[in-house]
């Protein structure tokens, strides 16, 4: 497949066809590698918990880390039947 190289400011870029974007589930980033005179683009798997560490650290600093619900197991007033 041939795709045109288009000017983007002082750089150049290519447009990926929608079918390829959907097939590879491409979102916001691609990994780019140059190997043996070839440009290799690979989809980046999103990190589901990306940013959680910083969010939890900030939450702790802002004193928003209290438990929001009771411990249901301790407060059960009945016996479990198995």
PDB file of N, CA and C in Angstrom:
ATOM      1  N   UNK A   1       0.851  -1.172   0.000  1.00  0.00           N
ATOM      2  CA  UNK A   1       0.000   0.000   0.000  1.00  0.00           C
ATOM      3  C   UNK A   1       0.897   1.236   0.000  1.00  0.00           C
ATOM      4  N   UNK A   2       0.642   2.143  -0.871  1.00  0.00           N
ATOM      5  CA  UNK A   2       1.370   3.406  -0.916  1.00  0.00           C
ATOM      6  C   UNK A   2       0.541   4.477  -0.221  1.00  0.00           C
ATOM      7  N   UNK A   3       1.201   5.250   0.636  1.00  0.00           N
ATOM      8  CA  UNK A   3       0.535   6.373   1.298  1.00  0.00           C
ATOM      9  C   UNK A   3       1.377   7.620   1.068  1.00  0.00           C
ATOM     10  N   UNK A   4       0.743   8.757   0.843  1.00  0.00           N
ATOM     11  CA  UNK A   4       1.515   9.983   0.608  1.00  0.00           C
ATOM     12  C   UNK A   4       2.149  10.506   1.896  1.00  0.00           C
ATOM     13  N   UNK A   5       3.319  11.094   1.757  1.00  0.00           N
ATOM     14  CA  UNK A   5       3.986  11.781   2.862  1.00  0.00           C
ATOM     15  C   UNK A   5       3.562  13.239   2.763  1.00  0.00           C
ATOM     16  N   UNK A   6       2.982  13.761   3.850  1.00  0.00           N
ATOM     17  CA  UNK A   6       2.419  15.115   3.820  1.00  0.00           C
ATOM     18  C   UNK A   6       3.170  16.029   4.784  1.00  0.00           C
ATOM     19  N   UNK A   7       3.274  17.319   4.450  1.00  0.00           N
ATOM     20  CA  UNK A   7       3.930  18.258   5.369  1.00  0.00           C
ATOM     21  C   UNK A   7       3.060  18.514   6.598  1.00  0.00           C
ATOM     22  N   UNK A   8       3.715  18.524   7.764  1.00  0.00           N
ATOM     23  CA  UNK A   8       3.059  18.873   9.029  1.00  0.00           C
ATOM     24  C   UNK A   8       4.005  19.845   9.727  1.00  0.00           C
ATOM     25  N   UNK A   9       3.765  21.138   9.565  1.00  0.00           N
ATOM     26  CA  UNK A   9       4.689  22.140  10.104  1.00  0.00           C
ATOM     27  C   UNK A   9       6.050  21.976   9.455  1.00  0.00           C
ATOM     28  N   UNK A  10       7.103  21.865  10.293  1.00  0.00           N
ATOM     29  CA  UNK A  10       8.458  21.657   9.785  1.00  0.00           C
ATOM     30  C   UNK A  10       8.775  20.178   9.588  1.00  0.00           C
ATOM     31  N   UNK A  11       7.824  19.313   9.889  1.00  0.00           N
ATOM     32  CA  UNK A  11       8.026  17.867   9.778  1.00  0.00           C
ATOM     33  C   UNK A  11       7.197  17.312   8.634  1.00  0.00           C
ATOM     34  N   UNK A  12       7.194  16.013   8.522  1.00  0.00           N
ATOM     35  CA  UNK A  12       6.351  15.326   7.545  1.00  0.00           C
ATOM     36  C   UNK A  12       5.694  14.153   8.242  1.00  0.00           C
ATOM     37  N   UNK A  13       4.570  13.727   7.700  1.00  0.00           N
ATOM     38  CA  UNK A  13       3.855  12.626   8.313  1.00  0.00           C
ATOM     39  C   UNK A  13       3.084  11.829   7.281  1.00  0.00           C
ATOM     40  N   UNK A  14       2.473  10.761   7.749  1.00  0.00           N
ATOM     41  CA  UNK A  14       1.609   9.956   6.890  1.00  0.00           C
ATOM     42  C   UNK A  14       0.252   9.837   7.567  1.00  0.00           C
ATOM     43  N   UNK A  15      -0.766   9.586   6.763  1.00  0.00           N
ATOM     44  CA  UNK A  15      -2.106   9.351   7.297  1.00  0.00           C
ATOM     45  C   UNK A  15      -2.363   7.855   7.233  1.00  0.00           C
ATOM     46  N   UNK A  16      -2.784   7.302   8.355  1.00  0.00           N
ATOM     47  CA  UNK A  16      -3.095   5.879   8.385  1.00  0.00           C
ATOM     48  C   UNK A  16      -4.557   5.671   8.018  1.00  0.00           C
ATOM     49  N   UNK A  17      -4.845   4.744   7.135  1.00  0.00           N
ATOM     50  CA  UNK A  17      -6.238   4.473   6.782  1.00  0.00           C
ATOM     51  C   UNK A  17      -7.040   3.987   7.995  1.00  0.00           C
ATOM     52  N   UNK A  18      -8.302   4.380   8.041  1.00  0.00           N
ATOM     53  CA  UNK A  18      -9.181   4.037   9.155  1.00  0.00           C
ATOM     54  C   UNK A  18      -9.236   2.527   9.388  1.00  0.00           C
ATOM     55  N   UNK A  19      -9.262   1.749   8.328  1.00  0.00           N
ATOM     56  CA  UNK A  19      -9.340   0.289   8.463  1.00  0.00           C
ATOM     57  C   UNK A  19      -8.137  -0.262   9.227  1.00  0.00           C
ATOM     58  N   UNK A  20      -6.950   0.282   8.974  1.00  0.00           N
ATOM     59  CA  UNK A  20      -5.746  -0.170   9.681  1.00  0.00           C
ATOM     60  C   UNK A  20      -5.794   0.268  11.135  1.00  0.00           C
ATOM     61  N   UNK A  21      -6.245   1.487  11.386  1.00  0.00           N
ATOM     62  CA  UNK A  21      -6.365   1.985  12.763  1.00  0.00           C
ATOM     63  C   UNK A  21      -7.294   1.087  13.564  1.00  0.00           C
ATOM     64  N   UNK A  22      -8.422   0.723  12.980  1.00  0.00           N
ATOM     65  CA  UNK A  22      -9.379  -0.138  13.680  1.00  0.00           C
ATOM     66  C   UNK A  22      -8.849  -1.561  13.823  1.00  0.00           C
ATOM     67  N   UNK A  23      -8.221  -2.082  12.783  1.00  0.00           N
ATOM     68  CA  UNK A  23      -7.699  -3.448  12.818  1.00  0.00           C
ATOM     69  C   UNK A  23      -6.652  -3.617  13.913  1.00  0.00           C
ATOM     70  N   UNK A  24      -5.790  -2.622  14.080  1.00  0.00           N
ATOM     71  CA  UNK A  24      -4.712  -2.703  15.068  1.00  0.00           C
ATOM     72  C   UNK A  24      -5.067  -2.036  16.391  1.00  0.00           C
ATOM     73  N   UNK A  25      -6.284  -1.496  16.488  1.00  0.00           N
ATOM     74  CA  UNK A  25      -6.749  -0.845  17.715  1.00  0.00           C
ATOM     75  C   UNK A  25      -5.776   0.255  18.152  1.00  0.00           C
ATOM     76  N   UNK A  26      -5.408   1.113  17.220  1.00  0.00           N
ATOM     77  CA  UNK A  26      -4.466   2.199  17.487  1.00  0.00           C
ATOM     78  C   UNK A  26      -5.219   3.346  18.150  1.00  0.00           C
ATOM     79  N   UNK A  27      -4.649   3.869  19.245  1.00  0.00           N
ATOM     80  CA  UNK A  27      -5.298   4.995  19.924  1.00  0.00           C
ATOM     81  C   UNK A  27      -4.486   6.267  19.715  1.00  0.00           C
ATOM     82  N   UNK A  28      -3.672   6.644  20.684  1.00  0.00           N
ATOM     83  CA  UNK A  28      -2.973   7.927  20.633  1.00  0.00           C
ATOM     84  C   UNK A  28      -1.492   7.834  20.282  1.00  0.00           C
ATOM     85  N   UNK A  29      -0.902   6.669  20.450  1.00  0.00           N
ATOM     86  CA  UNK A  29       0.542   6.564  20.249  1.00  0.00           C
ATOM     87  C   UNK A  29       0.893   5.326  19.425  1.00  0.00           C
ATOM     88  N   UNK A  30       2.017   5.429  18.740  1.00  0.00           N
ATOM     89  CA  UNK A  30       2.631   4.301  18.045  1.00  0.00           C
ATOM     90  C   UNK A  30       4.097   4.245  18.453  1.00  0.00           C
ATOM     91  N   UNK A  31       4.639   3.047  18.549  1.00  0.00           N
ATOM     92  CA  UNK A  31       6.073   2.891  18.768  1.00  0.00           C
ATOM     93  C   UNK A  31       6.740   2.926  17.394  1.00  0.00           C
ATOM     94  N   UNK A  32       7.772   3.748  17.253  1.00  0.00           N
ATOM     95  CA  UNK A  32       8.464   3.910  15.976  1.00  0.00           C
ATOM     96  C   UNK A  32       9.879   3.386  16.112  1.00  0.00           C
ATOM     97  N   UNK A  33      10.291   2.585  15.136  1.00  0.00           N
ATOM     98  CA  UNK A  33      11.634   2.011  15.144  1.00  0.00           C
ATOM     99  C   UNK A  33      12.183   2.060  13.722  1.00  0.00           C
ATOM    100  N   UNK A  34      13.454   2.358  13.589  1.00  0.00           N
ATOM    101  CA  UNK A  34      14.120   2.312  12.287  1.00  0.00           C
ATOM    102  C   UNK A  34      15.091   1.144  12.331  1.00  0.00           C
ATOM    103  N   UNK A  35      14.897   0.202  11.397  1.00  0.00           N
ATOM    104  CA  UNK A  35      15.722  -1.003  11.395  1.00  0.00           C
ATOM    105  C   UNK A  35      15.938  -1.443   9.947  1.00  0.00           C
ATOM    106  N   UNK A  36      17.185  -1.652   9.575  1.00  0.00           N
ATOM    107  CA  UNK A  36      17.515  -2.103   8.211  1.00  0.00           C
ATOM    108  C   UNK A  36      16.887  -1.202   7.148  1.00  0.00           C
ATOM    109  N   UNK A  37      17.030   0.096   7.334  1.00  0.00           N
ATOM    110  CA  UNK A  37      16.503   1.077   6.378  1.00  0.00           C
ATOM    111  C   UNK A  37      14.983   1.004   6.216  1.00  0.00           C
ATOM    112  N   UNK A  38      14.292   0.530   7.260  1.00  0.00           N
ATOM    113  CA  UNK A  38      12.832   0.465   7.241  1.00  0.00           C
ATOM    114  C   UNK A  38      12.275   1.175   8.463  1.00  0.00           C
ATOM    115  N   UNK A  39      11.140   1.812   8.289  1.00  0.00           N
ATOM    116  CA  UNK A  39      10.418   2.424   9.405  1.00  0.00           C
ATOM    117  C   UNK A  39       9.383   1.409   9.872  1.00  0.00           C
ATOM    118  N   UNK A  40       9.436   1.062  11.146  1.00  0.00           N
ATOM    119  CA  UNK A  40       8.503   0.083  11.709  1.00  0.00           C
ATOM    120  C   UNK A  40       7.629   0.798  12.732  1.00  0.00           C
ATOM    121  N   UNK A  41       6.330   0.741  12.524  1.00  0.00           N
ATOM    122  CA  UNK A  41       5.362   1.315  13.458  1.00  0.00           C
ATOM    123  C   UNK A  41       4.617   0.177  14.138  1.00  0.00           C
ATOM    124  N   UNK A  42       4.519   0.248  15.464  1.00  0.00           N
ATOM    125  CA  UNK A  42       3.810  -0.789  16.216  1.00  0.00           C
ATOM    126  C   UNK A  42       2.814  -0.120  17.152  1.00  0.00           C
ATOM    127  N   UNK A  43       1.618  -0.710  17.297  1.00  0.00           N
ATOM    128  CA  UNK A  43       0.655  -0.152  18.249  1.00  0.00           C
ATOM    129  C   UNK A  43       1.191  -0.274  19.672  1.00  0.00           C
ATOM    130  N   UNK A  44       0.897   0.709  20.488  1.00  0.00           N
ATOM    131  CA  UNK A  44       1.301   0.700  21.893  1.00  0.00           C
ATOM    132  C   UNK A  44       0.107   0.223  22.699  1.00  0.00           C
ATOM    133  N   UNK A  45       0.329  -0.800  23.502  1.00  0.00           N
ATOM    134  CA  UNK A  45      -0.742  -1.284  24.363  1.00  0.00           C
ATOM    135  C   UNK A  45      -0.912  -0.291  25.502  1.00  0.00           C
ATOM    136  N   UNK A  46      -2.124   0.184  25.665  1.00  0.00           N
ATOM    137  CA  UNK A  46      -2.359   1.163  26.723  1.00  0.00           C
ATOM    138  C   UNK A  46      -2.201   0.504  28.083  1.00  0.00           C
ATOM    139  N   UNK A  47      -1.664   1.246  29.002  1.00  0.00           N
ATOM    140  CA  UNK A  47      -1.500   0.762  30.365  1.00  0.00           C
ATOM    141  C   UNK A  47      -2.751   1.140  31.138  1.00  0.00           C
ATOM    142  N   UNK A  48      -3.520   0.126  31.493  1.00  0.00           N
ATOM    143  CA  UNK A  48      -4.815   0.344  32.126  1.00  0.00           C
ATOM    144  C   UNK A  48      -4.697   1.204  33.375  1.00  0.00           C
ATOM    145  N   UNK A  49      -3.674   0.984  34.153  1.00  0.00           N
ATOM    146  CA  UNK A  49      -3.536   1.701  35.425  1.00  0.00           C
ATOM    147  C   UNK A  49      -2.521   2.843  35.329  1.00  0.00           C
ATOM    148  N   UNK A  50      -2.294   3.334  34.126  1.00  0.00           N
ATOM    149  CA  UNK A  50      -1.344   4.421  33.920  1.00  0.00           C
ATOM    150  C   UNK A  50      -1.772   5.638  34.750  1.00  0.00           C
ATOM    151  N   UNK A  51      -0.852   6.163  35.532  1.00  0.00           N
ATOM    152  CA  UNK A  51      -1.132   7.347  36.329  1.00  0.00           C
ATOM    153  C   UNK A  51      -1.717   7.067  37.703  1.00  0.00           C
ATOM    154  N   UNK A  52      -2.004   5.803  38.004  1.00  0.00           N
ATOM    155  CA  UNK A  52      -2.614   5.490  39.300  1.00  0.00           C
ATOM    156  C   UNK A  52      -1.674   5.810  40.462  1.00  0.00           C
ATOM    157  N   UNK A  53      -0.391   5.523  40.312  1.00  0.00           N
ATOM    158  CA  UNK A  53       0.554   5.763  41.414  1.00  0.00           C
ATOM    159  C   UNK A  53       0.543   7.239  41.784  1.00  0.00           C
ATOM    160  N   UNK A  54       0.649   8.106  40.779  1.00  0.00           N
ATOM    161  CA  UNK A  54       0.641   9.540  41.048  1.00  0.00           C
ATOM    162  C   UNK A  54      -0.695   9.972  41.654  1.00  0.00           C
ATOM    163  N   UNK A  55      -1.791   9.412  41.173  1.00  0.00           N
ATOM    164  CA  UNK A  55      -3.109   9.773  41.703  1.00  0.00           C
ATOM    165  C   UNK A  55      -3.237   9.361  43.162  1.00  0.00           C
ATOM    166  N   UNK A  56      -2.767   8.170  43.513  1.00  0.00           N
ATOM    167  CA  UNK A  56      -2.842   7.719  44.903  1.00  0.00           C
ATOM    168  C   UNK A  56      -1.928   8.548  45.802  1.00  0.00           C
ATOM    169  N   UNK A  57      -0.750   8.901  45.298  1.00  0.00           N
ATOM    170  CA  UNK A  57       0.152   9.739  46.091  1.00  0.00           C
ATOM    171  C   UNK A  57      -0.473  11.106  46.343  1.00  0.00           C
ATOM    172  N   UNK A  58      -1.066  11.691  45.321  1.00  0.00           N
ATOM    173  CA  UNK A  58      -1.718  12.991  45.469  1.00  0.00           C
ATOM    174  C   UNK A  58      -2.910  12.886  46.413  1.00  0.00           C
ATOM    175  N   UNK A  59      -3.671  11.805  46.298  1.00  0.00           N
ATOM    176  CA  UNK A  59      -4.833  11.596  47.155  1.00  0.00           C
ATOM    177  C   UNK A  59      -4.397  11.522  48.622  1.00  0.00           C
ATOM    178  N   UNK A  60      -3.285  10.840  48.877  1.00  0.00           N
ATOM    179  CA  UNK A  60      -2.770  10.726  50.236  1.00  0.00           C
ATOM    180  C   UNK A  60      -2.319  12.087  50.758  1.00  0.00           C
ATOM    181  N   UNK A  61      -1.676  12.883  49.914  1.00  0.00           N
ATOM    182  CA  UNK A  61      -1.222  14.210  50.330  1.00  0.00           C
ATOM    183  C   UNK A  61      -2.402  15.133  50.615  1.00  0.00           C
ATOM    184  N   UNK A  62      -3.479  14.955  49.864  1.00  0.00           N
ATOM    185  CA  UNK A  62      -4.665  15.787  50.050  1.00  0.00           C
ATOM    186  C   UNK A  62      -5.589  15.249  51.139  1.00  0.00           C
ATOM    187  N   UNK A  63      -5.163  14.186  51.810  1.00  0.00           N
ATOM    188  CA  UNK A  63      -5.924  13.530  52.881  1.00  0.00           C
ATOM    189  C   UNK A  63      -7.305  13.097  52.381  1.00  0.00           C
ATOM    190  N   UNK A  64      -7.322  12.449  51.229  1.00  0.00           N
ATOM    191  CA  UNK A  64      -8.552  11.881  50.682  1.00  0.00           C
ATOM    192  C   UNK A  64      -8.415  10.370  50.570  1.00  0.00           C
ATOM    193  N   UNK A  65      -7.738   9.740  51.538  1.00  0.00           N
ATOM    194  CA  UNK A  65      -7.514   8.307  51.429  1.00  0.00           C
ATOM    195  C   UNK A  65      -8.277   7.502  52.482  1.00  0.00           C
ATOM    196  N   UNK A  66      -9.345   8.079  53.040  1.00  0.00           N
ATOM    197  CA  UNK A  66     -10.127   7.330  54.017  1.00  0.00           C
ATOM    198  C   UNK A  66     -11.022   6.315  53.307  1.00  0.00           C
ATOM    199  N   UNK A  67     -11.366   5.250  54.031  1.00  0.00           N
ATOM    200  CA  UNK A  67     -12.230   4.211  53.490  1.00  0.00           C
ATOM    201  C   UNK A  67     -13.630   4.774  53.316  1.00  0.00           C
ATOM    202  N   UNK A  68     -14.216   4.586  52.146  1.00  0.00           N
ATOM    203  CA  UNK A  68     -15.515   5.174  51.847  1.00  0.00           C
ATOM    204  C   UNK A  68     -16.685   4.263  52.182  1.00  0.00           C
ATOM    205  N   UNK A  69     -16.415   3.015  52.551  1.00  0.00           N
ATOM    206  CA  UNK A  69     -17.502   2.110  52.915  1.00  0.00           C
ATOM    207  C   UNK A  69     -17.075   1.253  54.089  1.00  0.00           C
ATOM    208  N   UNK A  70     -18.049   0.757  54.827  1.00  0.00           N
ATOM    209  CA  UNK A  70     -17.752  -0.089  55.977  1.00  0.00           C
ATOM    210  C   UNK A  70     -17.198  -1.430  55.522  1.00  0.00           C
ATOM    211  N   UNK A  71     -16.519  -2.084  56.442  1.00  0.00           N
ATOM    212  CA  UNK A  71     -16.037  -3.432  56.185  1.00  0.00           C
ATOM    213  C   UNK A  71     -17.214  -4.382  56.376  1.00  0.00           C
ATOM    214  N   UNK A  72     -17.837  -4.798  55.310  1.00  0.00           N
ATOM    215  CA  UNK A  72     -19.077  -5.580  55.364  1.00  0.00           C
ATOM    216  C   UNK A  72     -18.891  -6.922  56.056  1.00  0.00           C
ATOM    217  N   UNK A  73     -17.743  -7.543  55.924  1.00  0.00           N
ATOM    218  CA  UNK A  73     -17.537  -8.860  56.518  1.00  0.00           C
ATOM    219  C   UNK A  73     -17.547  -8.775  58.038  1.00  0.00           C
ATOM    220  N   UNK A  74     -16.908  -7.776  58.610  1.00  0.00           N
ATOM    221  CA  UNK A  74     -16.877  -7.628  60.064  1.00  0.00           C
ATOM    222  C   UNK A  74     -18.244  -7.305  60.634  1.00  0.00           C
ATOM    223  N   UNK A  75     -19.071  -6.606  59.900  1.00  0.00           N
ATOM    224  CA  UNK A  75     -20.354  -6.149  60.411  1.00  0.00           C
ATOM    225  C   UNK A  75     -21.498  -7.121  60.143  1.00  0.00           C
ATOM    226  N   UNK A  76     -21.209  -8.280  59.563  1.00  0.00           N
ATOM    227  CA  UNK A  76     -22.261  -9.255  59.301  1.00  0.00           C
ATOM    228  C   UNK A  76     -22.747  -9.831  60.626  1.00  0.00           C
ATOM    229  N   UNK A  77     -24.054  -9.832  60.825  1.00  0.00           N
ATOM    230  CA  UNK A  77     -24.632 -10.311  62.087  1.00  0.00           C
ATOM    231  C   UNK A  77     -25.179 -11.728  61.949  1.00  0.00           C
ATOM    232  N   UNK A  78     -24.892 -12.405  60.877  1.00  0.00           N
ATOM    233  CA  UNK A  78     -25.429 -13.746  60.680  1.00  0.00           C
ATOM    234  C   UNK A  78     -24.315 -14.691  60.260  1.00  0.00           C
ATOM    235  N   UNK A  79     -24.600 -15.972  60.377  1.00  0.00           N
ATOM    236  CA  UNK A  79     -23.640 -16.990  59.984  1.00  0.00           C
ATOM    237  C   UNK A  79     -23.838 -17.351  58.518  1.00  0.00           C
ATOM    238  N   UNK A  80     -22.757 -17.600  57.856  1.00  0.00           N
ATOM    239  CA  UNK A  80     -22.825 -18.040  56.466  1.00  0.00           C
ATOM    240  C   UNK A  80     -23.178 -19.522  56.421  1.00  0.00           C
ATOM    241  N   UNK A  81     -23.990 -19.929  55.468  1.00  0.00           N
ATOM    242  CA  UNK A  81     -24.292 -21.340  55.264  1.00  0.00           C
ATOM    243  C   UNK A  81     -23.638 -21.779  53.967  1.00  0.00           C
ATOM    244  N   UNK A  82     -22.911 -22.888  54.027  1.00  0.00           N
ATOM    245  CA  UNK A  82     -22.199 -23.378  52.849  1.00  0.00           C
ATOM    246  C   UNK A  82     -22.865 -24.598  52.297  1.00  0.00           C
TER     247      UNK A  82
END
